[in-house]
């Protein structure tokens, strides 16, 4: 399940890179919010993996 989550996140990152080529201000604001959510999601995922490894 973790591998599937990582692949889904990778797909989102690749979609972000494609969308960043757009110069629309609203789209860029939405992308910055999505990028921030992705950073927090990866941080939470890493913490969960570390805590699972310690068990």
N, C-alpha and C. Protein backbone atom coordinates (compact mmCIF):
# COMPACT_ATOMS: atom_id res chain seq x y z
N UNK A 1 0.83 -1.20 0.00
CA UNK A 1 0.00 0.00 0.00
C UNK A 1 0.87 1.26 0.00
N UNK A 2 2.00 1.21 0.67
CA UNK A 2 2.90 2.35 0.71
C UNK A 2 3.48 2.64 -0.67
N UNK A 3 3.81 1.58 -1.41
CA UNK A 3 4.36 1.77 -2.75
C UNK A 3 3.32 2.43 -3.65
N UNK A 4 2.07 2.03 -3.50
CA UNK A 4 1.00 2.63 -4.30
C UNK A 4 0.85 4.11 -3.98
N UNK A 5 0.97 4.47 -2.70
CA UNK A 5 0.88 5.87 -2.30
C UNK A 5 2.03 6.68 -2.87
N UNK A 6 3.21 6.10 -2.87
CA UNK A 6 4.37 6.80 -3.42
C UNK A 6 4.23 6.99 -4.93
N UNK A 7 3.72 5.98 -5.63
CA UNK A 7 3.52 6.11 -7.07
C UNK A 7 2.46 7.16 -7.39
N UNK A 8 1.40 7.22 -6.56
CA UNK A 8 0.37 8.23 -6.77
C UNK A 8 0.95 9.63 -6.55
N UNK A 9 1.78 9.78 -5.53
CA UNK A 9 2.40 11.07 -5.27
C UNK A 9 3.34 11.46 -6.40
N UNK A 10 4.05 10.48 -6.95
CA UNK A 10 4.93 10.75 -8.08
C UNK A 10 4.13 11.23 -9.29
N UNK A 11 2.99 10.62 -9.51
CA UNK A 11 2.12 11.05 -10.60
C UNK A 11 1.64 12.47 -10.42
N UNK A 12 1.32 12.84 -9.19
CA UNK A 12 0.88 14.21 -8.90
C UNK A 12 2.01 15.19 -9.15
N UNK A 13 3.22 14.82 -8.75
CA UNK A 13 4.37 15.70 -8.96
C UNK A 13 4.62 15.91 -10.45
N UNK A 14 4.52 14.85 -11.23
CA UNK A 14 4.71 14.98 -12.68
C UNK A 14 3.62 15.85 -13.30
N UNK A 15 2.40 15.73 -12.81
CA UNK A 15 1.31 16.58 -13.30
C UNK A 15 1.56 18.04 -12.93
N UNK A 16 2.13 18.26 -11.75
CA UNK A 16 2.47 19.61 -11.32
C UNK A 16 3.50 20.23 -12.26
N UNK A 17 4.50 19.46 -12.63
CA UNK A 17 5.54 19.98 -13.51
C UNK A 17 4.96 20.39 -14.86
N UNK A 18 4.03 19.60 -15.37
CA UNK A 18 3.39 19.95 -16.64
C UNK A 18 2.56 21.22 -16.49
N UNK A 19 1.83 21.32 -15.38
CA UNK A 19 0.95 22.46 -15.18
C UNK A 19 1.73 23.74 -14.90
N UNK A 20 2.95 23.62 -14.38
CA UNK A 20 3.74 24.80 -14.08
C UNK A 20 4.13 25.57 -15.35
N UNK A 21 4.05 24.91 -16.49
CA UNK A 21 4.37 25.59 -17.74
C UNK A 21 3.29 26.61 -18.10
N UNK A 22 2.13 26.49 -17.46
CA UNK A 22 1.03 27.44 -17.68
C UNK A 22 1.37 28.76 -17.00
N UNK A 23 0.94 29.87 -17.58
CA UNK A 23 1.26 31.18 -17.01
C UNK A 23 0.04 31.81 -16.34
N UNK A 24 -1.04 31.07 -16.18
CA UNK A 24 -2.26 31.59 -15.56
C UNK A 24 -2.03 31.79 -14.06
N UNK A 25 -2.36 32.98 -13.55
CA UNK A 25 -2.12 33.30 -12.14
C UNK A 25 -2.92 32.40 -11.20
N UNK A 26 -4.18 32.15 -11.54
CA UNK A 26 -5.03 31.32 -10.67
C UNK A 26 -4.48 29.90 -10.62
N UNK A 27 -4.07 29.39 -11.77
CA UNK A 27 -3.52 28.03 -11.80
C UNK A 27 -2.24 27.96 -10.98
N UNK A 28 -1.41 28.98 -11.05
CA UNK A 28 -0.16 28.98 -10.28
C UNK A 28 -0.43 29.04 -8.78
N UNK A 29 -1.45 29.79 -8.37
CA UNK A 29 -1.80 29.83 -6.94
C UNK A 29 -2.29 28.46 -6.47
N UNK A 30 -3.13 27.82 -7.29
CA UNK A 30 -3.62 26.49 -6.92
C UNK A 30 -2.47 25.49 -6.86
N UNK A 31 -1.51 25.61 -7.75
CA UNK A 31 -0.36 24.71 -7.74
C UNK A 31 0.50 24.92 -6.50
N UNK A 32 0.64 26.16 -6.06
CA UNK A 32 1.46 26.40 -4.87
C UNK A 32 0.79 25.80 -3.64
N UNK A 33 -0.55 25.87 -3.58
CA UNK A 33 -1.27 25.25 -2.46
C UNK A 33 -1.13 23.74 -2.53
N UNK A 34 -1.25 23.18 -3.73
CA UNK A 34 -1.11 21.73 -3.88
C UNK A 34 0.30 21.28 -3.54
N UNK A 35 1.28 22.06 -3.92
CA UNK A 35 2.67 21.71 -3.62
C UNK A 35 2.90 21.71 -2.10
N UNK A 36 2.32 22.68 -1.40
CA UNK A 36 2.44 22.73 0.06
C UNK A 36 1.79 21.50 0.69
N UNK A 37 0.61 21.12 0.19
CA UNK A 37 -0.05 19.92 0.72
C UNK A 37 0.79 18.68 0.46
N UNK A 38 1.44 18.60 -0.69
CA UNK A 38 2.29 17.46 -1.00
C UNK A 38 3.47 17.38 -0.04
N UNK A 39 4.06 18.53 0.27
CA UNK A 39 5.20 18.53 1.19
C UNK A 39 4.78 17.99 2.55
N UNK A 40 3.62 18.44 3.06
CA UNK A 40 3.13 17.96 4.34
C UNK A 40 2.78 16.48 4.26
N UNK A 41 2.21 16.05 3.14
CA UNK A 41 1.88 14.64 2.97
C UNK A 41 3.11 13.76 3.01
N UNK A 42 4.18 14.18 2.34
CA UNK A 42 5.43 13.41 2.36
C UNK A 42 6.02 13.40 3.77
N UNK A 43 5.95 14.52 4.48
CA UNK A 43 6.49 14.57 5.84
C UNK A 43 5.74 13.59 6.74
N UNK A 44 4.42 13.55 6.63
CA UNK A 44 3.62 12.64 7.45
C UNK A 44 3.92 11.19 7.08
N UNK A 45 4.07 10.93 5.78
CA UNK A 45 4.39 9.57 5.32
C UNK A 45 5.73 9.11 5.86
N UNK A 46 6.73 9.99 5.83
CA UNK A 46 8.06 9.63 6.34
C UNK A 46 8.01 9.36 7.84
N UNK A 47 7.26 10.16 8.58
CA UNK A 47 7.14 9.95 10.02
C UNK A 47 6.47 8.61 10.30
N UNK A 48 5.43 8.28 9.53
CA UNK A 48 4.75 7.00 9.74
C UNK A 48 5.67 5.83 9.41
N UNK A 49 6.45 5.96 8.34
CA UNK A 49 7.37 4.88 7.98
C UNK A 49 8.44 4.70 9.05
N UNK A 50 8.94 5.82 9.59
CA UNK A 50 9.95 5.73 10.64
C UNK A 50 9.38 5.10 11.90
N UNK A 51 8.17 5.48 12.27
CA UNK A 51 7.58 4.91 13.49
C UNK A 51 7.26 3.43 13.29
N UNK A 52 6.88 3.05 12.07
CA UNK A 52 6.61 1.63 11.80
C UNK A 52 7.91 0.83 11.82
N UNK A 53 9.00 1.44 11.38
CA UNK A 53 10.28 0.74 11.36
C UNK A 53 10.83 0.54 12.78
N UNK A 54 10.47 1.45 13.68
CA UNK A 54 10.97 1.34 15.05
C UNK A 54 10.26 0.25 15.84
N UNK A 55 9.10 -0.16 15.37
CA UNK A 55 8.33 -1.17 16.13
C UNK A 55 8.92 -2.53 16.02
